[in-house]
All heavy atoms as atom14 arrays in JSON, in Angstrom:
{
  "sequence": "EFAIADRAAQQVMARIDGKDYTVLEAHSPGLKGFNWANYINLSSIR",
  "atom14_mask": [
    [1, 1, 1, 1, 1, 1, 1, 1, 1, 0, 0, 0, 0, 0],
    [1, 1, 1, 1, 1, 1, 1, 1, 1, 1, 1, 0, 0, 0],
    [1, 1, 1, 1, 1, 0, 0, 0, 0, 0, 0, 0, 0, 0],
    [1, 1, 1, 1, 1, 1, 1, 1, 0, 0, 0, 0, 0, 0],
    [1, 1, 1, 1, 1, 0, 0, 0, 0, 0, 0, 0, 0, 0],
    [1, 1, 1, 1, 1, 1, 1, 1, 0, 0, 0, 0, 0, 0],
    [1, 1, 1, 1, 1, 1, 1, 1, 1, 1, 1, 0, 0, 0],
    [1, 1, 1, 1, 1, 0, 0, 0, 0, 0, 0, 0, 0, 0],
    [1, 1, 1, 1, 1, 0, 0, 0, 0, 0, 0, 0, 0, 0],
    [1, 1, 1, 1, 1, 1, 1, 1, 1, 0, 0, 0, 0, 0],
    [1, 1, 1, 1, 1, 1, 1, 1, 1, 0, 0, 0, 0, 0],
    [1, 1, 1, 1, 1, 1, 1, 0, 0, 0, 0, 0, 0, 0],
    [1, 1, 1, 1, 1, 1, 1, 1, 0, 0, 0, 0, 0, 0],
    [1, 1, 1, 1, 1, 0, 0, 0, 0, 0, 0, 0, 0, 0],
    [1, 1, 1, 1, 1, 1, 1, 1, 1, 1, 1, 0, 0, 0],
    [1, 1, 1, 1, 1, 1, 1, 1, 0, 0, 0, 0, 0, 0],
    [1, 1, 1, 1, 1, 1, 1, 1, 0, 0, 0, 0, 0, 0],
    [1, 1, 1, 1, 0, 0, 0, 0, 0, 0, 0, 0, 0, 0],
    [1, 1, 1, 1, 1, 1, 1, 1, 1, 0, 0, 0, 0, 0],
    [1, 1, 1, 1, 1, 1, 1, 1, 0, 0, 0, 0, 0, 0],
    [1, 1, 1, 1, 1, 1, 1, 1, 1, 1, 1, 1, 0, 0],
    [1, 1, 1, 1, 1, 1, 1, 0, 0, 0, 0, 0, 0, 0],
    [1, 1, 1, 1, 1, 1, 1, 0, 0, 0, 0, 0, 0, 0],
    [1, 1, 1, 1, 1, 1, 1, 1, 0, 0, 0, 0, 0, 0],
    [1, 1, 1, 1, 1, 1, 1, 1, 1, 0, 0, 0, 0, 0],
    [1, 1, 1, 1, 1, 0, 0, 0, 0, 0, 0, 0, 0, 0],
    [1, 1, 1, 1, 1, 1, 1, 1, 1, 1, 0, 0, 0, 0],
    [1, 1, 1, 1, 1, 1, 0, 0, 0, 0, 0, 0, 0, 0],
    [1, 1, 1, 1, 1, 1, 1, 0, 0, 0, 0, 0, 0, 0],
    [1, 1, 1, 1, 0, 0, 0, 0, 0, 0, 0, 0, 0, 0],
    [1, 1, 1, 1, 1, 1, 1, 1, 0, 0, 0, 0, 0, 0],
    [1, 1, 1, 1, 1, 1, 1, 1, 1, 0, 0, 0, 0, 0],
    [1, 1, 1, 1, 0, 0, 0, 0, 0, 0, 0, 0, 0, 0],
    [1, 1, 1, 1, 1, 1, 1, 1, 1, 1, 1, 0, 0, 0],
    [1, 1, 1, 1, 1, 1, 1, 1, 0, 0, 0, 0, 0, 0],
    [1, 1, 1, 1, 1, 1, 1, 1, 1, 1, 1, 1, 1, 1],
    [1, 1, 1, 1, 1, 0, 0, 0, 0, 0, 0, 0, 0, 0],
    [1, 1, 1, 1, 1, 1, 1, 1, 0, 0, 0, 0, 0, 0],
    [1, 1, 1, 1, 1, 1, 1, 1, 1, 1, 1, 1, 0, 0],
    [1, 1, 1, 1, 1, 1, 1, 1, 0, 0, 0, 0, 0, 0],
    [1, 1, 1, 1, 1, 1, 1, 1, 0, 0, 0, 0, 0, 0],
    [1, 1, 1, 1, 1, 1, 1, 1, 0, 0, 0, 0, 0, 0],
    [1, 1, 1, 1, 1, 1, 0, 0, 0, 0, 0, 0, 0, 0],
    [1, 1, 1, 1, 1, 1, 0, 0, 0, 0, 0, 0, 0, 0],
    [1, 1, 1, 1, 1, 1, 1, 1, 0, 0, 0, 0, 0, 0],
    [1, 1, 1, 1, 1, 1, 1, 1, 1, 1, 1, 0, 0, 0]
  ],
  "atom14_positions": [
    [[-237.81, -78.96, 22.86], [-237.95, -77.64, 22.25], [-237.37, -76.51, 23.1], [-236.96, -75.48, 22.54], [-239.43, -77.34, 22.0], [-240.12, -78.22, 20.96], [-240.57, -79.56, 21.51], [-240.7, -79.68, 22.75], [-240.79, -80.48, 20.7], [0.0, 0.0, 0.0], [0.0, 0.0, 0.0], [0.0, 0.0, 0.0], [0.0, 0.0, 0.0], [0.0, 0.0, 0.0]],
    [[-237.34, -76.68, 24.41], [-237.01, -75.56, 25.27], [-235.59, -75.03, 25.04], [-235.37, -73.82, 24.99], [-237.19, -75.93, 26.75], [-236.78, -74.81, 27.68], [-237.52, -73.64, 27.75], [-235.64, -74.91, 28.46], [-237.16, -72.61, 28.6], [-235.26, -73.88, 29.31], [-236.02, -72.73, 29.38], [0.0, 0.0, 0.0], [0.0, 0.0, 0.0], [0.0, 0.0, 0.0]],
    [[-234.63, -75.91, 24.89], [-233.25, -75.46, 24.73], [-233.1, -74.56, 23.5], [-232.39, -73.55, 23.54], [-232.3, -76.66, 24.63], [0.0, 0.0, 0.0], [0.0, 0.0, 0.0], [0.0, 0.0, 0.0], [0.0, 0.0, 0.0], [0.0, 0.0, 0.0], [0.0, 0.0, 0.0], [0.0, 0.0, 0.0], [0.0, 0.0, 0.0], [0.0, 0.0, 0.0]],
    [[-233.78, -74.93, 22.41], [-233.69, -74.13, 21.18], [-234.4, -72.79, 21.36], [-233.87, -71.74, 20.99], [-234.31, -74.91, 20.0], [-233.63, -76.26, 19.83], [-234.2, -74.09, 18.7], [-234.29, -77.15, 18.79], [0.0, 0.0, 0.0], [0.0, 0.0, 0.0], [0.0, 0.0, 0.0], [0.0, 0.0, 0.0], [0.0, 0.0, 0.0], [0.0, 0.0, 0.0]],
    [[-235.6, -72.83, 21.94], [-236.35, -71.59, 22.14], [-235.64, -70.66, 23.11], [-235.56, -69.44, 22.88], [-237.76, -71.92, 22.66], [0.0, 0.0, 0.0], [0.0, 0.0, 0.0], [0.0, 0.0, 0.0], [0.0, 0.0, 0.0], [0.0, 0.0, 0.0], [0.0, 0.0, 0.0], [0.0, 0.0, 0.0], [0.0, 0.0, 0.0], [0.0, 0.0, 0.0]],
    [[-235.13, -71.21, 24.19], [-234.46, -70.39, 25.2], [-233.18, -69.77, 24.64], [-232.88, -68.6, 24.92], [-234.15, -71.24, 26.43], [-233.53, -70.42, 27.56], [-234.2, -69.49, 28.03], [-232.38, -70.71, 27.96], [0.0, 0.0, 0.0], [0.0, 0.0, 0.0], [0.0, 0.0, 0.0], [0.0, 0.0, 0.0], [0.0, 0.0, 0.0], [0.0, 0.0, 0.0]],
    [[-232.45, -70.53, 23.85], [-231.22, -70.0, 23.24], [-231.55, -68.81, 22.34], [-230.88, -67.78, 22.39], [-230.51, -71.08, 22.44], [-229.22, -70.59, 21.79], [-228.56, -71.67, 20.95], [-227.35, -71.16, 20.31], [-226.98, -71.47, 19.07], [-227.71, -72.29, 18.35], [-225.87, -70.97, 18.57], [0.0, 0.0, 0.0], [0.0, 0.0, 0.0], [0.0, 0.0, 0.0]],
    [[-232.58, -68.94, 21.52], [-232.98, -67.84, 20.64], [-233.4, -66.63, 21.45], [-233.03, -65.49, 21.13], [-234.1, -68.29, 19.72], [0.0, 0.0, 0.0], [0.0, 0.0, 0.0], [0.0, 0.0, 0.0], [0.0, 0.0, 0.0], [0.0, 0.0, 0.0], [0.0, 0.0, 0.0], [0.0, 0.0, 0.0], [0.0, 0.0, 0.0], [0.0, 0.0, 0.0]],
    [[-234.18, -66.85, 22.51], [-234.61, -65.74, 23.35], [-233.43, -65.03, 24.0], [-233.36, -63.79, 24.04], [-235.58, -66.24, 24.43], [0.0, 0.0, 0.0], [0.0, 0.0, 0.0], [0.0, 0.0, 0.0], [0.0, 0.0, 0.0], [0.0, 0.0, 0.0], [0.0, 0.0, 0.0], [0.0, 0.0, 0.0], [0.0, 0.0, 0.0], [0.0, 0.0, 0.0]],
    [[-232.46, -65.81, 24.49], [-231.29, -65.21, 25.13], [-230.44, -64.43, 24.12], [-229.88, -63.38, 24.45], [-230.44, -66.3, 25.81], [-231.16, -67.05, 26.92], [-231.72, -66.16, 28.0], [-231.08, -65.19, 28.42], [-232.94, -66.46, 28.45], [0.0, 0.0, 0.0], [0.0, 0.0, 0.0], [0.0, 0.0, 0.0], [0.0, 0.0, 0.0], [0.0, 0.0, 0.0]],
    [[-230.35, -64.92, 22.9], [-229.6, -64.19, 21.87], [-230.23, -62.83, 21.59], [-229.52, -61.84, 21.4], [-229.54, -65.03, 20.58], [-228.6, -66.21, 20.66], [-228.63, -67.03, 19.37], [-229.68, -67.52, 18.96], [-227.49, -67.17, 18.73], [0.0, 0.0, 0.0], [0.0, 0.0, 0.0], [0.0, 0.0, 0.0], [0.0, 0.0, 0.0], [0.0, 0.0, 0.0]],
    [[-231.56, -62.79, 21.55], [-232.25, -61.53, 21.31], [-232.13, -60.61, 22.53], [-231.88, -59.4, 22.4], [-233.72, -61.78, 20.96], [-234.51, -60.46, 20.93], [-233.83, -62.48, 19.61], [0.0, 0.0, 0.0], [0.0, 0.0, 0.0], [0.0, 0.0, 0.0], [0.0, 0.0, 0.0], [0.0, 0.0, 0.0], [0.0, 0.0, 0.0], [0.0, 0.0, 0.0]],
    [[-232.27, -61.17, 23.72], [-232.17, -60.35, 24.93], [-230.81, -59.68, 25.05], [-230.7, -58.56, 25.57], [-232.43, -61.22, 26.17], [-233.89, -61.58, 26.37], [-234.13, -62.73, 27.76], [-233.59, -61.69, 29.13], [0.0, 0.0, 0.0], [0.0, 0.0, 0.0], [0.0, 0.0, 0.0], [0.0, 0.0, 0.0], [0.0, 0.0, 0.0], [0.0, 0.0, 0.0]],
    [[-229.78, -60.33, 24.54], [-228.43, -59.77, 24.6], [-228.27, -58.53, 23.73], [-227.27, -57.81, 23.85], [-227.41, -60.82, 24.18], [0.0, 0.0, 0.0], [0.0, 0.0, 0.0], [0.0, 0.0, 0.0], [0.0, 0.0, 0.0], [0.0, 0.0, 0.0], [0.0, 0.0, 0.0], [0.0, 0.0, 0.0], [0.0, 0.0, 0.0], [0.0, 0.0, 0.0]],
    [[-229.26, -58.28, 22.87], [-229.16, -57.16, 21.93], [-230.15, -56.04, 22.23], [-230.28, -55.12, 21.42], [-229.35, -57.67, 20.5], [-228.13, -58.42, 19.98], [-228.45, -59.28, 18.78], [-227.22, -59.82, 18.19], [-226.53, -60.83, 18.71], [-226.93, -61.41, 19.82], [-225.41, -61.26, 18.11], [0.0, 0.0, 0.0], [0.0, 0.0, 0.0], [0.0, 0.0, 0.0]],
    [[-230.85, -56.09, 23.35], [-231.85, -55.05, 23.6], [-231.4, -53.98, 24.58], [-232.02, -52.92, 24.65], [-233.18, -55.67, 24.09], [-233.01, -56.34, 25.46], [-233.74, -56.64, 23.07], [-234.32, -56.9, 26.0], [0.0, 0.0, 0.0], [0.0, 0.0, 0.0], [0.0, 0.0, 0.0], [0.0, 0.0, 0.0], [0.0, 0.0, 0.0], [0.0, 0.0, 0.0]],
    [[-230.33, -54.23, 25.32], [-229.87, -53.24, 26.3], [-229.47, -51.93, 25.61], [-228.73, -51.93, 24.63], [-228.67, -53.79, 27.08], [-229.09, -54.81, 28.11], [-230.3, -54.91, 28.39], [-228.21, -55.54, 28.62], [0.0, 0.0, 0.0], [0.0, 0.0, 0.0], [0.0, 0.0, 0.0], [0.0, 0.0, 0.0], [0.0, 0.0, 0.0], [0.0, 0.0, 0.0]],
    [[-229.98, -50.84, 26.13], [-229.6, -49.53, 25.63], [-230.27, -49.11, 24.34], [-230.01, -48.02, 23.83], [0.0, 0.0, 0.0], [0.0, 0.0, 0.0], [0.0, 0.0, 0.0], [0.0, 0.0, 0.0], [0.0, 0.0, 0.0], [0.0, 0.0, 0.0], [0.0, 0.0, 0.0], [0.0, 0.0, 0.0], [0.0, 0.0, 0.0], [0.0, 0.0, 0.0]],
    [[-231.15, -49.94, 23.8], [-231.82, -49.6, 22.55], [-232.98, -48.64, 22.81], [-233.65, -48.69, 23.84], [-232.35, -50.86, 21.86], [-231.27, -51.81, 21.39], [-230.45, -51.22, 20.26], [-229.48, -52.23, 19.68], [-228.58, -52.82, 20.67], [0.0, 0.0, 0.0], [0.0, 0.0, 0.0], [0.0, 0.0, 0.0], [0.0, 0.0, 0.0], [0.0, 0.0, 0.0]],
    [[-233.22, -47.75, 21.86], [-234.31, -46.79, 21.93], [-235.49, -47.33, 21.12], [-235.44, -47.4, 19.9], [-233.85, -45.45, 21.35], [-234.94, -44.38, 21.41], [-236.03, -44.67, 21.95], [-234.7, -43.27, 20.91], [0.0, 0.0, 0.0], [0.0, 0.0, 0.0], [0.0, 0.0, 0.0], [0.0, 0.0, 0.0], [0.0, 0.0, 0.0], [0.0, 0.0, 0.0]],
    [[-236.55, -47.74, 21.84], [-237.72, -48.32, 21.19], [-238.9, -47.35, 21.12], [-240.05, -47.78, 20.93], [-238.14, -49.6, 21.92], [-237.13, -50.72, 21.79], [-236.37, -51.12, 22.89], [-236.92, -51.35, 20.57], [-235.43, -52.14, 22.77], [-235.99, -52.37, 20.44], [-235.24, -52.76, 21.54], [-234.31, -53.76, 21.42], [0.0, 0.0, 0.0], [0.0, 0.0, 0.0]],
    [[-238.63, -46.06, 21.23], [-239.72, -45.1, 21.2], [-240.46, -45.11, 19.86], [-241.64, -44.75, 19.8], [-239.22, -43.67, 21.5], [-238.14, -43.35, 20.6], [-238.73, -43.56, 22.93], [0.0, 0.0, 0.0], [0.0, 0.0, 0.0], [0.0, 0.0, 0.0], [0.0, 0.0, 0.0], [0.0, 0.0, 0.0], [0.0, 0.0, 0.0], [0.0, 0.0, 0.0]],
    [[-239.78, -45.52, 18.78], [-240.44, -45.58, 17.48], [-241.61, -46.56, 17.52], [-242.6, -46.39, 16.8], [-239.43, -45.97, 16.37], [-238.93, -47.38, 16.55], [-240.07, -45.82, 14.98], [0.0, 0.0, 0.0], [0.0, 0.0, 0.0], [0.0, 0.0, 0.0], [0.0, 0.0, 0.0], [0.0, 0.0, 0.0], [0.0, 0.0, 0.0], [0.0, 0.0, 0.0]],
    [[-241.53, -47.58, 18.37], [-242.61, -48.56, 18.48], [-243.79, -47.99, 19.26], [-244.92, -48.47, 19.12], [-242.11, -49.83, 19.17], [-240.89, -50.52, 18.57], [-240.53, -51.76, 19.38], [-241.15, -50.89, 17.11], [0.0, 0.0, 0.0], [0.0, 0.0, 0.0], [0.0, 0.0, 0.0], [0.0, 0.0, 0.0], [0.0, 0.0, 0.0], [0.0, 0.0, 0.0]],
    [[-243.53, -46.97, 20.07], [-244.58, -46.39, 20.93], [-245.49, -45.43, 20.17], [-246.62, -45.18, 20.6], [-243.94, -45.65, 22.1], [-243.05, -46.52, 22.99], [-242.22, -45.69, 23.95], [-242.46, -44.46, 24.03], [-241.32, -46.24, 24.58], [0.0, 0.0, 0.0], [0.0, 0.0, 0.0], [0.0, 0.0, 0.0], [0.0, 0.0, 0.0], [0.0, 0.0, 0.0]],
    [[-245.0, -44.87, 19.06], [-245.77, -43.83, 18.38], [-247.15, -44.31, 17.95], [-248.14, -43.57, 18.06], [-244.99, -43.33, 17.16], [0.0, 0.0, 0.0], [0.0, 0.0, 0.0], [0.0, 0.0, 0.0], [0.0, 0.0, 0.0], [0.0, 0.0, 0.0], [0.0, 0.0, 0.0], [0.0, 0.0, 0.0], [0.0, 0.0, 0.0], [0.0, 0.0, 0.0]],
    [[-247.23, -45.55, 17.48], [-248.5, -46.09, 17.02], [-249.11, -47.08, 18.0], [-250.17, -47.65, 17.73], [-248.31, -46.76, 15.65], [-247.81, -45.83, 14.6], [-248.64, -44.95, 13.95], [-246.57, -45.62, 14.1], [-247.94, -44.24, 13.08], [-246.68, -44.63, 13.16], [0.0, 0.0, 0.0], [0.0, 0.0, 0.0], [0.0, 0.0, 0.0], [0.0, 0.0, 0.0]],
    [[-248.43, -47.29, 19.12], [-248.95, -48.17, 20.17], [-248.47, -47.64, 21.52], [-247.52, -48.17, 22.1], [-248.47, -49.61, 19.94], [-249.1, -50.5, 20.82], [0.0, 0.0, 0.0], [0.0, 0.0, 0.0], [0.0, 0.0, 0.0], [0.0, 0.0, 0.0], [0.0, 0.0, 0.0], [0.0, 0.0, 0.0], [0.0, 0.0, 0.0], [0.0, 0.0, 0.0]],
    [[-249.1, -46.58, 22.02], [-248.61, -45.9, 23.23], [-248.53, -46.79, 24.46], [-247.81, -46.49, 25.4], [-249.63, -44.77, 23.44], [-250.19, -44.52, 22.09], [-250.25, -45.86, 21.42], [0.0, 0.0, 0.0], [0.0, 0.0, 0.0], [0.0, 0.0, 0.0], [0.0, 0.0, 0.0], [0.0, 0.0, 0.0], [0.0, 0.0, 0.0], [0.0, 0.0, 0.0]],
    [[-249.25, -47.92, 24.46], [-249.17, -48.84, 25.58], [-247.8, -49.45, 25.75], [-247.5, -50.04, 26.8], [0.0, 0.0, 0.0], [0.0, 0.0, 0.0], [0.0, 0.0, 0.0], [0.0, 0.0, 0.0], [0.0, 0.0, 0.0], [0.0, 0.0, 0.0], [0.0, 0.0, 0.0], [0.0, 0.0, 0.0], [0.0, 0.0, 0.0], [0.0, 0.0, 0.0]],
    [[-246.93, -49.3, 24.74], [-245.57, -49.85, 24.83], [-244.6, -48.91, 25.54], [-243.44, -49.28, 25.76], [-245.03, -50.14, 23.42], [-245.8, -51.2, 22.62], [-245.19, -51.37, 21.25], [-245.85, -52.53, 23.36], [0.0, 0.0, 0.0], [0.0, 0.0, 0.0], [0.0, 0.0, 0.0], [0.0, 0.0, 0.0], [0.0, 0.0, 0.0], [0.0, 0.0, 0.0]],
    [[-245.05, -47.72, 25.92], [-244.17, -46.79, 26.62], [-243.73, -47.4, 27.95], [-244.55, -47.83, 28.77], [-244.89, -45.46, 26.86], [-243.99, -44.4, 27.47], [-244.69, -43.05, 27.57], [-243.75, -41.98, 28.1], [-244.41, -40.65, 28.17], [0.0, 0.0, 0.0], [0.0, 0.0, 0.0], [0.0, 0.0, 0.0], [0.0, 0.0, 0.0], [0.0, 0.0, 0.0]],
    [[-242.43, -47.46, 28.14], [-241.88, -48.03, 29.36], [-242.02, -49.54, 29.46], [-241.86, -50.1, 30.55], [0.0, 0.0, 0.0], [0.0, 0.0, 0.0], [0.0, 0.0, 0.0], [0.0, 0.0, 0.0], [0.0, 0.0, 0.0], [0.0, 0.0, 0.0], [0.0, 0.0, 0.0], [0.0, 0.0, 0.0], [0.0, 0.0, 0.0], [0.0, 0.0, 0.0]],
    [[-242.3, -50.18, 28.34], [-242.53, -51.63, 28.34], [-241.26, -52.39, 28.72], [-240.15, -52.0, 28.36], [-242.99, -52.07, 26.95], [-243.61, -53.43, 26.89], [-244.86, -53.66, 27.43], [-242.94, -54.49, 26.3], [-245.45, -54.92, 27.37], [-243.51, -55.74, 26.24], [-244.76, -55.96, 26.78], [0.0, 0.0, 0.0], [0.0, 0.0, 0.0], [0.0, 0.0, 0.0]],
    [[-241.44, -53.5, 29.47], [-240.32, -54.33, 29.89], [-240.02, -55.35, 28.8], [-240.51, -56.48, 28.81], [-240.66, -55.03, 31.21], [-239.47, -55.79, 31.8], [-238.53, -56.14, 31.1], [-239.53, -56.05, 33.09], [0.0, 0.0, 0.0], [0.0, 0.0, 0.0], [0.0, 0.0, 0.0], [0.0, 0.0, 0.0], [0.0, 0.0, 0.0], [0.0, 0.0, 0.0]],
    [[-239.18, -54.96, 27.85], [-238.9, -55.82, 26.7], [-238.11, -57.06, 27.1], [-238.3, -58.13, 26.5], [-238.15, -55.04, 25.62], [-239.01, -54.0, 24.97], [-238.89, -52.65, 25.05], [-240.15, -54.24, 24.13], [-239.87, -52.03, 24.32], [-240.66, -52.98, 23.74], [-240.79, -55.4, 23.68], [-241.77, -52.84, 22.92], [-241.9, -55.27, 22.86], [-242.38, -54.0, 22.48]],
    [[-237.23, -56.95, 28.08], [-236.45, -58.11, 28.51], [-237.38, -59.2, 29.05], [-237.22, -60.38, 28.73], [-235.43, -57.7, 29.57], [0.0, 0.0, 0.0], [0.0, 0.0, 0.0], [0.0, 0.0, 0.0], [0.0, 0.0, 0.0], [0.0, 0.0, 0.0], [0.0, 0.0, 0.0], [0.0, 0.0, 0.0], [0.0, 0.0, 0.0], [0.0, 0.0, 0.0]],
    [[-238.36, -58.81, 29.84], [-239.31, -59.77, 30.38], [-240.16, -60.37, 29.26], [-240.43, -61.58, 29.25], [-240.21, -59.1, 31.41], [-241.12, -60.06, 32.13], [-240.68, -61.01, 32.77], [-242.42, -59.83, 32.03], [0.0, 0.0, 0.0], [0.0, 0.0, 0.0], [0.0, 0.0, 0.0], [0.0, 0.0, 0.0], [0.0, 0.0, 0.0], [0.0, 0.0, 0.0]],
    [[-240.54, -59.54, 28.3], [-241.33, -60.0, 27.16], [-240.58, -61.07, 26.37], [-241.14, -62.13, 26.03], [-241.66, -58.8, 26.27], [-242.22, -59.11, 24.91], [-243.57, -59.42, 24.75], [-241.41, -59.08, 23.78], [-244.1, -59.69, 23.5], [-241.92, -59.35, 22.52], [-243.27, -59.66, 22.38], [-243.78, -59.93, 21.14], [0.0, 0.0, 0.0], [0.0, 0.0, 0.0]],
    [[-239.31, -60.82, 26.08], [-238.53, -61.78, 25.31], [-238.29, -63.04, 26.12], [-238.37, -64.17, 25.61], [-237.19, -61.16, 24.87], [-237.43, -59.96, 23.95], [-236.32, -62.21, 24.17], [-238.13, -60.28, 22.65], [0.0, 0.0, 0.0], [0.0, 0.0, 0.0], [0.0, 0.0, 0.0], [0.0, 0.0, 0.0], [0.0, 0.0, 0.0], [0.0, 0.0, 0.0]],
    [[-237.98, -62.88, 27.4], [-237.72, -64.04, 28.24], [-238.95, -64.96, 28.31], [-238.84, -66.17, 28.14], [-237.33, -63.58, 29.65], [-236.78, -64.7, 30.5], [-236.05, -65.57, 30.03], [-237.11, -64.69, 31.77], [0.0, 0.0, 0.0], [0.0, 0.0, 0.0], [0.0, 0.0, 0.0], [0.0, 0.0, 0.0], [0.0, 0.0, 0.0], [0.0, 0.0, 0.0]],
    [[-240.13, -64.36, 28.54], [-241.35, -65.16, 28.63], [-241.78, -65.71, 27.28], [-242.59, -66.64, 27.23], [-242.49, -64.31, 29.21], [-242.4, -63.91, 30.68], [-243.61, -63.08, 31.08], [-242.29, -65.13, 31.58], [0.0, 0.0, 0.0], [0.0, 0.0, 0.0], [0.0, 0.0, 0.0], [0.0, 0.0, 0.0], [0.0, 0.0, 0.0], [0.0, 0.0, 0.0]],
    [[-241.26, -65.16, 26.19], [-241.68, -65.61, 24.86], [-241.42, -67.09, 24.64], [-242.07, -67.72, 23.8], [-240.99, -64.79, 23.76], [-239.61, -65.1, 23.69], [0.0, 0.0, 0.0], [0.0, 0.0, 0.0], [0.0, 0.0, 0.0], [0.0, 0.0, 0.0], [0.0, 0.0, 0.0], [0.0, 0.0, 0.0], [0.0, 0.0, 0.0], [0.0, 0.0, 0.0]],
    [[-240.49, -67.67, 25.39], [-240.22, -69.11, 25.25], [-241.47, -69.94, 25.51], [-241.64, -71.02, 24.94], [-239.11, -69.55, 26.2], [-237.88, -68.96, 25.86], [0.0, 0.0, 0.0], [0.0, 0.0, 0.0], [0.0, 0.0, 0.0], [0.0, 0.0, 0.0], [0.0, 0.0, 0.0], [0.0, 0.0, 0.0], [0.0, 0.0, 0.0], [0.0, 0.0, 0.0]],
    [[-242.37, -69.43, 26.37], [-243.61, -70.14, 26.67], [-244.43, -70.33, 25.4], [-245.06, -71.37, 25.19], [-244.42, -69.37, 27.72], [-243.63, -69.24, 29.03], [-245.78, -70.02, 27.97], [-244.27, -68.29, 30.04], [0.0, 0.0, 0.0], [0.0, 0.0, 0.0], [0.0, 0.0, 0.0], [0.0, 0.0, 0.0], [0.0, 0.0, 0.0], [0.0, 0.0, 0.0]],
    [[-244.44, -69.32, 24.54], [-245.17, -69.39, 23.28], [-244.37, -70.15, 22.23], [-244.92, -70.93, 21.45], [-245.48, -67.98, 22.79], [-246.3, -67.16, 23.79], [-246.26, -65.68, 23.46], [-246.79, -65.42, 22.15], [-246.4, -64.39, 21.37], [-245.49, -63.55, 21.82], [-246.94, -64.22, 20.2], [0.0, 0.0, 0.0], [0.0, 0.0, 0.0], [0.0, 0.0, 0.0]]
  ]
}
C-alpha cells in the first residue's frame, strides 16, 4: 500500500506551495500557520 499512498501524497504536496489557505482558517482558527506539507506527508500513515 505504501507506494500508492506515498505517490498520492507527493502529488498533492507538489501543488500546495504558494497557495493561500486563509479561507480554511476563518472557521477553524487553529489552522493559522499550519504546516500543510507535513500534514500531507504524514497522511500516508493513515
